[in-house]
Every structure is written in C-alpha cells, then in structure tokens.
Amino acid sequence: MGADDAEGRLVRPFTLTGGRTRPGRGEFTLITTVTAVDPQPAGAVRMQPEHGRILRLCASPVAVVELAARLDLPVSVVVILLSDLLEAGRVSVHPPHPVTRATPSLQLLLKVREGLDRL
C-alpha cells in the first residue's frame, strides 16, 4: 500500500511495524536476497497486507532494496517486515556473496594497457 492507500489515507511507516525501529531477527543489507518459502508453513499466522505483498514480490529472489522500491516504503520498514516473515518461516534470506579483492596480476595489467594503447 505504501504511503498512500487506495482510499487516500496516509499510512505512517511506524504503524506498519507496530512502532518497532529495529528488526527482531536477521542481518539484512541492501543487497541481501530474499525468497518466499514455498509451500508456506502449516499453521502460519495471519499477516498484514504488506507482508502478503512482500511474499508475492519474493516469488523469485529479490534484493531488499528492490523490494523497498517496489513497495514504495523506507528500507528500514521493509527490513522489519522481512524480519517478521523470517521469524514465521515464510521467507529464506541469502546474504550477498563476499567480494574478493585480489590484486590483478602484472600480466593482466599489461594486457589491459596494450588494449588501451590500441584505442
């Protein structure tokens, strides 16, 4: 629903999170990938409409920042809602792969230089 729902009422982000400002569980970054669990756990508790929207958007893996953009909600609010879903077993979270900062070989640098010289 975002900041304005279909009837034009303003929905404050703190109402979506129940006043919480920090997630209860999970380490989320902007590029953490989230996927809805299929099938949903038996006896799953009823969630807010925003939780349902997140689950629909997470049918295939999606990054936290992309979810926030699609939902038109602050990232901090989306992270708290994702934490709820993680605690309920309704999403799986995949942290970003670490980037190795290996120093390129001298041979590779010379080939790049030669290629640039040919331009």
Protein backbone atom coordinates (compact mmCIF):
# COMPACT_ATOMS: atom_id res chain seq x y z
CA MET A 1 0.00 0.00 0.00
CA GLY A 2 2.89 2.37 0.54
CA ALA A 3 2.47 5.85 1.94
CA ASP A 4 -1.00 6.40 0.41
CA ASP A 5 -3.51 3.59 0.15
CA ALA A 6 -6.30 3.34 -2.41
CA GLU A 7 -8.66 5.48 -0.33
CA GLY A 8 -6.16 8.30 0.05
CA ARG A 9 -5.49 7.75 3.77
CA LEU A 10 -1.95 8.30 4.93
CA VAL A 11 -0.39 5.18 6.47
CA ARG A 12 2.58 6.04 8.66
CA PRO A 13 5.53 3.64 8.46
CA PHE A 14 5.58 3.15 12.24
CA THR A 15 2.05 1.72 12.07
CA LEU A 16 3.25 -0.96 9.65
CA THR A 17 5.97 -2.04 12.07
CA GLY A 18 3.94 -1.72 15.26
CA GLY A 19 6.24 1.07 16.43
CA ARG A 20 9.36 -1.09 16.14
CA THR A 21 12.50 0.58 14.82
CA ARG A 22 14.77 -2.47 14.61
CA PRO A 23 14.29 -5.94 13.14
CA GLY A 24 13.88 -8.76 15.62
CA ARG A 25 15.94 -11.22 13.60
CA GLY A 26 18.20 -11.43 10.60
CA GLU A 27 21.02 -9.44 9.14
CA PHE A 28 19.73 -7.56 6.14
CA THR A 29 21.76 -5.36 3.82
CA LEU A 30 20.51 -3.50 0.78
CA ILE A 31 21.64 -6.33 -1.49
CA THR A 32 20.51 -9.26 0.66
CA THR A 33 18.32 -11.52 -1.49
CA VAL A 34 15.00 -12.75 -0.13
CA THR A 35 12.79 -15.56 -1.47
CA ALA A 36 9.33 -16.65 -0.33
CA VAL A 37 9.20 -20.18 1.09
CA ASP A 38 7.02 -22.46 -0.97
CA PRO A 39 4.86 -24.06 0.29
CA GLN A 40 4.07 -21.82 3.21
CA PRO A 41 4.46 -23.41 6.66
CA ALA A 42 1.33 -25.05 8.06
CA GLY A 43 -0.48 -23.01 10.68
CA ALA A 44 1.16 -19.78 9.59
CA VAL A 45 -0.23 -16.77 11.41
CA ARG A 46 -2.19 -14.17 9.51
CA MET A 47 -0.02 -11.28 8.38
CA GLN A 48 -0.59 -7.66 7.43
CA PRO A 49 -1.37 -6.82 3.79
CA GLU A 50 2.21 -5.56 3.36
CA HIS A 51 3.53 -8.97 4.39
CA GLY A 52 1.39 -10.52 1.66
CA ARG A 53 2.69 -8.04 -0.90
CA ILE A 54 6.26 -8.87 0.09
CA LEU A 55 5.59 -12.61 -0.27
CA ARG A 56 4.13 -12.10 -3.76
CA LEU A 57 7.12 -10.00 -4.82
CA CYS A 58 9.51 -12.61 -3.40
CA ALA A 59 8.14 -15.47 -5.51
CA SER A 60 11.54 -15.30 -7.19
CA PRO A 61 14.67 -13.98 -5.44
CA VAL A 62 14.67 -10.21 -4.98
CA ALA A 63 17.02 -7.78 -3.22
CA VAL A 64 15.88 -5.86 -0.14
CA VAL A 65 16.46 -2.51 -1.86
CA GLU A 66 14.33 -3.58 -4.84
CA LEU A 67 11.52 -4.66 -2.51
CA ALA A 68 11.60 -1.26 -0.82
CA ALA A 69 11.41 0.47 -4.19
CA ARG A 70 8.54 -1.69 -5.44
CA LEU A 71 6.60 -1.26 -2.19
CA ASP A 72 7.38 2.48 -2.02
CA LEU A 73 8.41 2.06 1.63
CA PRO A 74 11.58 3.01 3.51
CA VAL A 75 14.20 0.23 3.58
CA SER A 76 14.12 0.25 7.39
CA VAL A 77 10.39 -0.59 7.38
CA VAL A 78 10.84 -3.33 4.78
CA VAL A 79 13.65 -4.88 6.86
CA ILE A 80 11.39 -5.05 9.93
CA LEU A 81 8.59 -6.65 7.89
CA LEU A 82 11.08 -9.11 6.39
CA SER A 83 12.27 -9.95 9.88
CA ASP A 84 8.67 -10.83 10.81
CA LEU A 85 8.42 -13.11 7.78
CA LEU A 86 11.79 -14.72 8.55
CA GLU A 87 10.70 -15.46 12.13
CA ALA A 88 7.47 -17.00 10.79
CA GLY A 89 9.44 -19.21 8.39
CA ARG A 90 7.84 -17.63 5.35
CA VAL A 91 10.98 -16.34 3.62
CA SER A 92 14.53 -17.50 3.17
CA VAL A 93 17.37 -15.00 3.25
CA HIS A 94 20.52 -15.20 1.16
CA PRO A 95 23.34 -12.85 2.18
CA PRO A 96 25.40 -11.29 -0.60
CA HIS A 97 28.46 -13.17 -1.72
CA PRO A 98 31.66 -11.62 -0.39
CA VAL A 99 33.76 -9.86 -2.97
CA THR A 100 37.38 -10.87 -3.01
CA ARG A 101 39.80 -8.07 -3.57
CA ALA A 102 42.57 -9.99 -5.23
CA THR A 103 45.30 -7.91 -6.78
CA PRO A 104 45.34 -8.40 -10.56
CA SER A 105 48.45 -9.97 -11.99
CA LEU A 106 51.05 -7.84 -13.70
CA GLN A 107 50.43 -9.82 -16.88
CA LEU A 108 46.73 -8.88 -16.88
CA LEU A 109 47.53 -5.21 -16.27
CA LEU A 110 49.97 -5.19 -19.20
CA LYS A 111 47.32 -6.70 -21.49
CA VAL A 112 44.82 -4.03 -20.41
CA ARG A 113 47.41 -1.34 -21.08
CA GLU A 114 48.14 -2.76 -24.53
CA GLY A 115 44.42 -2.82 -25.31
CA LEU A 116 44.03 0.80 -24.24
CA ASP A 117 47.04 1.82 -26.33
CA ARG A 118 45.37 0.30 -29.41
CA LEU A 119 42.33 2.52 -28.93
